[in-house]
Amino acid sequence: MGSWPGQVLIAALGLALFLALRPAVRRLALAPWRRLAVVNGCHRVRPHMDAVPDRRPIEVIAREARRLGHRFRETRHGVSFAKAEGVRRAYDEVLAEACGALGLAHLLAVLADGPELDAERRRVERLLHVWGLQQDDDAA
């Protein structure tokens, strides 16, 4: 056994820890029941109002893809490499985001800049067009 002051100190620390964690444990224990609502005598799950969508709406992604696709295809001569590369990367990222939102596989994030990435970008553009995301305003 330990000394009497040591045991008191351990007991005090244990009590302080218990009191500090008690609200968090109570919240976790009651969390499943907070979403239940009684409607006409039946327990129904209320929608979780604090839920934040994990991605942007597909309409916003499509609008961004059209805007960046136009800028990517219409890059003028004399534009700095950094600006052109930034537009290309942003366009590839929004195409990848669109694929993620639709559950489509792509290799845009893993291929190095070059002919393979260009071919993958064209494949993804065609695939997204089939899914209804027009890449430019005059696409049918």
N, C-alpha and C. Protein backbone atom coordinates (compact mmCIF):
# COMPACT_ATOMS: atom_id res chain seq x y z
N MET A 1 0.84 -1.17 0.00
CA MET A 1 0.00 0.00 0.00
C MET A 1 0.88 1.24 0.00
N GLY A 2 0.31 2.30 -0.52
CA GLY A 2 1.03 3.56 -0.57
C GLY A 2 0.78 4.37 0.68
N SER A 3 1.40 5.50 0.71
CA SER A 3 1.22 6.37 1.87
C SER A 3 -0.15 7.03 1.81
N TRP A 4 -0.61 7.49 2.95
CA TRP A 4 -1.93 8.11 3.05
C TRP A 4 -2.04 9.37 2.17
N PRO A 5 -1.09 10.31 2.14
CA PRO A 5 -1.23 11.48 1.26
C PRO A 5 -1.23 11.11 -0.22
N GLY A 6 -0.49 10.07 -0.58
CA GLY A 6 -0.46 9.63 -1.97
C GLY A 6 -1.79 9.06 -2.41
N GLN A 7 -2.43 8.32 -1.53
CA GLN A 7 -3.74 7.76 -1.84
C GLN A 7 -4.80 8.84 -1.96
N VAL A 8 -4.72 9.86 -1.13
CA VAL A 8 -5.66 10.98 -1.21
C VAL A 8 -5.47 11.72 -2.53
N LEU A 9 -4.21 11.92 -2.91
CA LEU A 9 -3.93 12.61 -4.17
C LEU A 9 -4.46 11.82 -5.37
N ILE A 10 -4.28 10.52 -5.36
CA ILE A 10 -4.79 9.68 -6.46
C ILE A 10 -6.31 9.72 -6.48
N ALA A 11 -6.95 9.66 -5.32
CA ALA A 11 -8.40 9.71 -5.26
C ALA A 11 -8.92 11.06 -5.76
N ALA A 12 -8.24 12.14 -5.40
CA ALA A 12 -8.64 13.48 -5.85
C ALA A 12 -8.49 13.62 -7.36
N LEU A 13 -7.41 13.10 -7.91
CA LEU A 13 -7.21 13.15 -9.36
C LEU A 13 -8.26 12.30 -10.08
N GLY A 14 -8.59 11.15 -9.52
CA GLY A 14 -9.63 10.31 -10.12
C GLY A 14 -10.99 10.98 -10.11
N LEU A 15 -11.31 11.64 -8.99
CA LEU A 15 -12.58 12.36 -8.90
C LEU A 15 -12.63 13.52 -9.89
N ALA A 16 -11.52 14.25 -10.02
CA ALA A 16 -11.46 15.38 -10.97
C ALA A 16 -11.61 14.88 -12.40
N LEU A 17 -10.98 13.76 -12.71
CA LEU A 17 -11.11 13.19 -14.06
C LEU A 17 -12.53 12.73 -14.32
N PHE A 18 -13.14 12.09 -13.34
CA PHE A 18 -14.52 11.65 -13.48
C PHE A 18 -15.46 12.84 -13.72
N LEU A 19 -15.30 13.89 -12.93
CA LEU A 19 -16.16 15.06 -13.08
C LEU A 19 -15.92 15.78 -14.41
N ALA A 20 -14.69 15.76 -14.90
CA ALA A 20 -14.39 16.41 -16.17
C ALA A 20 -14.98 15.64 -17.35
N LEU A 21 -14.96 14.32 -17.27
CA LEU A 21 -15.43 13.49 -18.39
C LEU A 21 -16.92 13.19 -18.34
N ARG A 22 -17.57 13.43 -17.23
CA ARG A 22 -18.97 13.07 -17.07
C ARG A 22 -19.90 13.69 -18.12
N PRO A 23 -19.81 15.01 -18.43
CA PRO A 23 -20.70 15.57 -19.47
C PRO A 23 -20.48 14.94 -20.84
N ALA A 24 -19.22 14.67 -21.19
CA ALA A 24 -18.94 14.07 -22.50
C ALA A 24 -19.50 12.65 -22.58
N VAL A 25 -19.35 11.88 -21.52
CA VAL A 25 -19.87 10.51 -21.51
C VAL A 25 -21.40 10.53 -21.57
N ARG A 26 -22.01 11.47 -20.87
CA ARG A 26 -23.47 11.57 -20.89
C ARG A 26 -23.97 11.92 -22.29
N ARG A 27 -23.30 12.87 -22.96
CA ARG A 27 -23.68 13.24 -24.32
C ARG A 27 -23.57 12.05 -25.25
N LEU A 28 -22.49 11.29 -25.14
CA LEU A 28 -22.31 10.12 -26.00
C LEU A 28 -23.37 9.07 -25.72
N ALA A 29 -23.73 8.90 -24.45
CA ALA A 29 -24.73 7.89 -24.11
C ALA A 29 -26.12 8.28 -24.60
N LEU A 30 -26.43 9.57 -24.62
CA LEU A 30 -27.75 10.01 -25.03
C LEU A 30 -27.84 10.36 -26.52
N ALA A 31 -26.72 10.38 -27.22
CA ALA A 31 -26.72 10.81 -28.62
C ALA A 31 -27.70 10.03 -29.49
N PRO A 32 -27.78 8.71 -29.42
CA PRO A 32 -28.72 8.01 -30.30
C PRO A 32 -30.17 8.37 -30.01
N TRP A 33 -30.50 8.70 -28.76
CA TRP A 33 -31.88 8.97 -28.39
C TRP A 33 -32.30 10.38 -28.70
N ARG A 34 -31.37 11.29 -28.88
CA ARG A 34 -31.73 12.67 -29.17
C ARG A 34 -32.36 12.82 -30.55
N ARG A 35 -32.07 11.92 -31.44
CA ARG A 35 -32.62 12.02 -32.78
C ARG A 35 -34.00 11.38 -32.89
N LEU A 36 -34.45 10.74 -31.84
CA LEU A 36 -35.77 10.11 -31.88
C LEU A 36 -36.84 11.14 -31.54
N ALA A 37 -37.90 11.14 -32.28
CA ALA A 37 -39.04 12.00 -32.01
C ALA A 37 -40.29 11.13 -32.00
N VAL A 38 -41.20 11.45 -31.13
CA VAL A 38 -42.45 10.70 -31.06
C VAL A 38 -43.46 11.40 -31.95
N VAL A 39 -43.91 10.72 -33.00
CA VAL A 39 -44.88 11.25 -33.94
C VAL A 39 -46.05 10.28 -33.99
N ASN A 40 -47.23 10.75 -33.57
CA ASN A 40 -48.44 9.91 -33.54
C ASN A 40 -48.21 8.61 -32.79
N GLY A 41 -47.49 8.69 -31.67
CA GLY A 41 -47.26 7.51 -30.86
C GLY A 41 -46.15 6.61 -31.36
N CYS A 42 -45.53 6.94 -32.49
CA CYS A 42 -44.44 6.13 -33.04
C CYS A 42 -43.13 6.88 -32.89
N HIS A 43 -42.07 6.14 -32.61
CA HIS A 43 -40.74 6.75 -32.53
C HIS A 43 -40.18 6.85 -33.94
N ARG A 44 -39.83 8.04 -34.33
CA ARG A 44 -39.23 8.25 -35.66
C ARG A 44 -37.92 8.98 -35.50
N VAL A 45 -37.02 8.74 -36.41
CA VAL A 45 -35.72 9.40 -36.36
C VAL A 45 -35.85 10.77 -37.02
N ARG A 46 -35.46 11.80 -36.25
CA ARG A 46 -35.46 13.15 -36.81
C ARG A 46 -34.22 13.32 -37.68
N PRO A 47 -34.31 14.13 -38.71
CA PRO A 47 -33.10 14.40 -39.50
C PRO A 47 -32.10 15.15 -38.64
N HIS A 48 -30.86 14.84 -38.83
CA HIS A 48 -29.79 15.47 -38.06
C HIS A 48 -29.52 16.85 -38.67
N MET A 49 -29.89 17.90 -37.96
CA MET A 49 -29.81 19.25 -38.50
C MET A 49 -28.39 19.79 -38.55
N ASP A 50 -27.48 19.21 -37.80
CA ASP A 50 -26.11 19.71 -37.79
C ASP A 50 -25.26 19.08 -38.89
N ALA A 51 -25.84 18.18 -39.67
CA ALA A 51 -25.07 17.50 -40.70
C ALA A 51 -24.63 18.48 -41.78
N VAL A 52 -23.38 18.40 -42.14
CA VAL A 52 -22.81 19.24 -43.18
C VAL A 52 -22.52 18.34 -44.37
N PRO A 53 -22.96 18.74 -45.57
CA PRO A 53 -22.66 17.88 -46.72
C PRO A 53 -21.15 17.72 -46.90
N ASP A 54 -20.74 16.54 -47.32
CA ASP A 54 -19.31 16.28 -47.44
C ASP A 54 -18.72 16.76 -48.77
N ARG A 55 -19.57 17.21 -49.68
CA ARG A 55 -19.05 17.76 -50.94
C ARG A 55 -20.01 18.81 -51.46
N ARG A 56 -19.52 19.55 -52.45
CA ARG A 56 -20.35 20.60 -53.04
C ARG A 56 -21.44 19.96 -53.90
N PRO A 57 -22.54 20.68 -54.11
CA PRO A 57 -23.58 20.15 -54.99
C PRO A 57 -23.04 19.98 -56.42
N ILE A 58 -23.57 18.97 -57.11
CA ILE A 58 -23.07 18.66 -58.46
C ILE A 58 -23.28 19.82 -59.42
N GLU A 59 -24.32 20.64 -59.20
CA GLU A 59 -24.56 21.80 -60.07
C GLU A 59 -23.42 22.80 -59.95
N VAL A 60 -22.93 23.01 -58.75
CA VAL A 60 -21.82 23.94 -58.53
C VAL A 60 -20.55 23.38 -59.15
N ILE A 61 -20.33 22.09 -58.99
CA ILE A 61 -19.14 21.45 -59.58
C ILE A 61 -19.19 21.57 -61.10
N ALA A 62 -20.37 21.33 -61.70
CA ALA A 62 -20.51 21.40 -63.17
C ALA A 62 -20.25 22.82 -63.67
N ARG A 63 -20.78 23.82 -62.95
CA ARG A 63 -20.55 25.21 -63.36
C ARG A 63 -19.06 25.56 -63.30
N GLU A 64 -18.40 25.11 -62.24
CA GLU A 64 -16.96 25.36 -62.10
C GLU A 64 -16.17 24.63 -63.18
N ALA A 65 -16.59 23.41 -63.53
CA ALA A 65 -15.92 22.65 -64.59
C ALA A 65 -16.07 23.34 -65.93
N ARG A 66 -17.26 23.90 -66.22
CA ARG A 66 -17.44 24.63 -67.48
C ARG A 66 -16.55 25.87 -67.53
N ARG A 67 -16.52 26.60 -66.41
CA ARG A 67 -15.72 27.83 -66.37
C ARG A 67 -14.24 27.53 -66.55
N LEU A 68 -13.73 26.56 -65.79
CA LEU A 68 -12.30 26.24 -65.88
C LEU A 68 -11.96 25.54 -67.19
N GLY A 69 -12.89 24.72 -67.71
CA GLY A 69 -12.65 24.07 -69.00
C GLY A 69 -12.49 25.08 -70.12
N HIS A 70 -13.32 26.11 -70.09
CA HIS A 70 -13.21 27.17 -71.10
C HIS A 70 -11.86 27.87 -70.96
N ARG A 71 -11.46 28.20 -69.75
CA ARG A 71 -10.18 28.87 -69.53
C ARG A 71 -9.02 27.96 -69.92
N PHE A 72 -9.15 26.65 -69.67
CA PHE A 72 -8.08 25.70 -70.01
C PHE A 72 -7.92 25.58 -71.52
N ARG A 73 -9.03 25.48 -72.24
CA ARG A 73 -8.96 25.31 -73.70
C ARG A 73 -8.61 26.60 -74.43
N GLU A 74 -8.93 27.73 -73.85
CA GLU A 74 -8.70 29.02 -74.51
C GLU A 74 -7.46 29.74 -73.98
N THR A 75 -6.48 29.00 -73.51
CA THR A 75 -5.26 29.63 -73.01
C THR A 75 -4.55 30.33 -74.15
N ARG A 76 -4.32 31.63 -73.97
CA ARG A 76 -3.69 32.43 -75.03
C ARG A 76 -2.18 32.32 -74.98
N HIS A 77 -1.56 32.58 -76.13
CA HIS A 77 -0.10 32.63 -76.17
C HIS A 77 0.35 33.84 -75.37
N GLY A 78 1.47 33.73 -74.72
CA GLY A 78 1.98 34.82 -73.91
C GLY A 78 1.56 34.73 -72.46
N VAL A 79 0.71 33.77 -72.11
CA VAL A 79 0.32 33.58 -70.71
C VAL A 79 1.48 32.87 -70.01
N SER A 80 1.78 33.30 -68.80
CA SER A 80 2.89 32.70 -68.07
C SER A 80 2.63 31.22 -67.82
N PHE A 81 3.71 30.47 -67.70
CA PHE A 81 3.60 29.04 -67.44
C PHE A 81 2.87 28.80 -66.13
N ALA A 82 3.17 29.59 -65.12
CA ALA A 82 2.55 29.40 -63.81
C ALA A 82 1.04 29.56 -63.89
N LYS A 83 0.57 30.54 -64.64
CA LYS A 83 -0.87 30.76 -64.75
C LYS A 83 -1.53 29.62 -65.53
N ALA A 84 -0.92 29.22 -66.64
CA ALA A 84 -1.47 28.13 -67.44
C ALA A 84 -1.48 26.82 -66.64
N GLU A 85 -0.42 26.57 -65.88
CA GLU A 85 -0.34 25.36 -65.07
C GLU A 85 -1.36 25.39 -63.93
N GLY A 86 -1.57 26.56 -63.36
CA GLY A 86 -2.58 26.69 -62.30
C GLY A 86 -3.98 26.39 -62.82
N VAL A 87 -4.29 26.89 -64.01
CA VAL A 87 -5.61 26.63 -64.61
C VAL A 87 -5.76 25.14 -64.92
N ARG A 88 -4.70 24.52 -65.44
CA ARG A 88 -4.75 23.09 -65.76
C ARG A 88 -4.99 22.27 -64.50
N ARG A 89 -4.25 22.58 -63.44
CA ARG A 89 -4.41 21.81 -62.20
C ARG A 89 -5.79 22.02 -61.59
N ALA A 90 -6.27 23.26 -61.61
CA ALA A 90 -7.61 23.52 -61.07
C ALA A 90 -8.67 22.78 -61.88
N TYR A 91 -8.50 22.75 -63.20
CA TYR A 91 -9.45 22.03 -64.06
C TYR A 91 -9.42 20.53 -63.77
N ASP A 92 -8.21 19.98 -63.63
CA ASP A 92 -8.10 18.55 -63.31
C ASP A 92 -8.72 18.24 -61.95
N GLU A 93 -8.54 19.14 -60.97
CA GLU A 93 -9.11 18.92 -59.65
C GLU A 93 -10.64 18.94 -59.67
N VAL A 94 -11.21 19.88 -60.45
CA VAL A 94 -12.68 19.94 -60.50
C VAL A 94 -13.24 18.75 -61.28
N LEU A 95 -12.51 18.27 -62.29
CA LEU A 95 -12.95 17.05 -62.98
C LEU A 95 -12.91 15.86 -62.03
N ALA A 96 -11.86 15.78 -61.21
CA ALA A 96 -11.75 14.70 -60.23
C ALA A 96 -12.87 14.82 -59.18
N GLU A 97 -13.20 16.05 -58.78
CA GLU A 97 -14.29 16.25 -57.82
C GLU A 97 -15.62 15.80 -58.41
N ALA A 98 -15.84 16.09 -59.69
CA ALA A 98 -17.07 15.65 -60.36
C ALA A 98 -17.12 14.13 -60.42
N CYS A 99 -16.00 13.50 -60.73
CA CYS A 99 -15.96 12.03 -60.75
C CYS A 99 -16.25 11.47 -59.36
N GLY A 100 -15.70 12.09 -58.34
CA GLY A 100 -15.96 11.63 -56.97
C GLY A 100 -17.42 11.77 -56.59
N ALA A 101 -18.05 12.87 -57.02
CA ALA A 101 -19.46 13.08 -56.69
C ALA A 101 -20.35 12.06 -57.39
N LEU A 102 -19.94 11.60 -58.56
CA LEU A 102 -20.73 10.63 -59.31
C LEU A 102 -20.28 9.19 -59.09
N GLY A 103 -19.20 9.00 -58.33
CA GLY A 103 -18.71 7.66 -58.06
C GLY A 103 -17.99 7.03 -59.24
N LEU A 104 -17.33 7.85 -60.05
CA LEU A 104 -16.62 7.36 -61.23
C LEU A 104 -15.12 7.29 -60.96
N ALA A 105 -14.47 6.29 -61.51
CA ALA A 105 -13.03 6.13 -61.33
C ALA A 105 -12.28 7.02 -62.30
N HIS A 106 -11.13 7.54 -61.84
CA HIS A 106 -10.29 8.38 -62.69
C HIS A 106 -8.85 8.26 -62.23
N LEU A 107 -7.93 8.68 -63.08
CA LEU A 107 -6.51 8.66 -62.76
C LEU A 107 -5.91 10.06 -62.81
N LEU A 108 -6.73 11.09 -62.75
CA LEU A 108 -6.24 12.46 -62.89
C LEU A 108 -5.27 12.85 -61.80
N ALA A 109 -5.44 12.32 -60.60
CA ALA A 109 -4.58 12.72 -59.48
C ALA A 109 -3.26 11.95 -59.44
N VAL A 110 -3.13 10.88 -60.20
CA VAL A 110 -1.93 10.06 -60.09
C VAL A 110 -1.02 10.14 -61.31
N LEU A 111 -1.52 10.60 -62.44
CA LEU A 111 -0.70 10.67 -63.64
C LEU A 111 0.11 11.96 -63.66
N ALA A 112 1.33 11.87 -64.16
CA ALA A 112 2.17 13.06 -64.33
C ALA A 112 1.72 13.80 -65.59
N ASP A 113 2.03 15.09 -65.62
CA ASP A 113 1.66 15.90 -66.78
C ASP A 113 2.33 15.33 -68.03
N GLY A 114 1.54 15.12 -69.06
CA GLY A 114 2.05 14.56 -70.30
C GLY A 114 0.92 13.97 -71.12
N PRO A 115 1.26 13.17 -72.12
CA PRO A 115 0.25 12.62 -73.01
C PRO A 115 -0.75 11.70 -72.32
N GLU A 116 -0.30 10.93 -71.30
CA GLU A 116 -1.22 10.05 -70.60
C GLU A 116 -2.26 10.85 -69.83
N LEU A 117 -1.83 11.93 -69.18
CA LEU A 117 -2.77 12.77 -68.44
C LEU A 117 -3.74 13.46 -69.40
N ASP A 118 -3.25 13.90 -70.55
CA ASP A 118 -4.13 14.53 -71.53
C ASP A 118 -5.20 13.53 -72.01
N ALA A 119 -4.77 12.29 -72.26
CA ALA A 119 -5.72 11.26 -72.71
C ALA A 119 -6.74 10.96 -71.60
N GLU A 120 -6.29 10.89 -70.36
CA GLU A 120 -7.20 10.63 -69.24
C GLU A 120 -8.18 11.79 -69.08
N ARG A 121 -7.70 13.02 -69.24
CA ARG A 121 -8.58 14.19 -69.14
C ARG A 121 -9.67 14.13 -70.20
N ARG A 122 -9.29 13.79 -71.44
CA ARG A 122 -10.29 13.68 -72.52
C ARG A 122 -11.30 12.56 -72.22
N ARG A 123 -10.81 11.43 -71.67
CA ARG A 123 -11.70 10.32 -71.32
C ARG A 123 -12.69 10.75 -70.24
N VAL A 124 -12.20 11.45 -69.23
CA VAL A 124 -13.07 11.90 -68.14
C VAL A 124 -14.07 12.93 -68.66
N GLU A 125 -13.64 13.84 -69.54
CA GLU A 125 -14.56 14.83 -70.11
C GLU A 125 -15.69 14.14 -70.87
N ARG A 126 -15.34 13.12 -71.67
CA ARG A 126 -16.37 12.38 -72.41
C ARG A 126 -17.31 11.65 -71.45
N LEU A 127 -16.73 11.04 -70.43
CA LEU A 127 -17.53 10.31 -69.45
C LEU A 127 -18.49 11.25 -68.72
N LEU A 128 -18.01 12.42 -68.31
CA LEU A 128 -18.87 13.38 -67.63
C LEU A 128 -19.93 13.94 -68.58
N HIS A 129 -19.58 14.08 -69.85
CA HIS A 129 -20.57 14.53 -70.84
C HIS A 129 -21.70 13.51 -70.97
N VAL A 130 -21.34 12.22 -70.95
CA VAL A 130 -22.34 11.17 -71.01
C VAL A 130 -23.25 11.24 -69.78
N TRP A 131 -22.69 11.59 -68.64
CA TRP A 131 -23.47 11.72 -67.41
C TRP A 131 -24.25 13.02 -67.34
N GLY A 132 -24.11 13.87 -68.35
CA GLY A 132 -24.92 15.09 -68.40
C GLY A 132 -24.22 16.35 -67.98
N LEU A 133 -22.94 16.29 -67.69
CA LEU A 133 -22.20 17.50 -67.34
C LEU A 133 -21.52 18.03 -68.60
N GLN A 134 -22.17 19.04 -69.21
CA GLN A 134 -21.61 19.62 -70.42
C GLN A 134 -20.37 20.40 -70.06
N GLN A 135 -19.33 20.24 -70.85
CA GLN A 135 -18.07 20.89 -70.55
C GLN A 135 -18.00 22.32 -71.09
N ASP A 136 -18.73 22.61 -72.13
CA ASP A 136 -18.78 23.99 -72.62
C ASP A 136 -20.20 24.30 -73.08
N ASP A 137 -20.47 25.57 -73.30
CA ASP A 137 -21.84 26.00 -73.58
C ASP A 137 -22.37 25.50 -74.93
N ASP A 138 -21.49 25.25 -75.90
CA ASP A 138 -21.99 24.83 -77.21
C ASP A 138 -21.95 23.33 -77.37
N ALA A 139 -21.69 22.58 -76.31
CA ALA A 139 -21.71 21.12 -76.42
C ALA A 139 -23.16 20.65 -76.44
N ALA A 140 -23.43 19.65 -77.25
CA ALA A 140 -24.80 19.14 -77.37
C ALA A 140 -25.13 18.15 -76.30
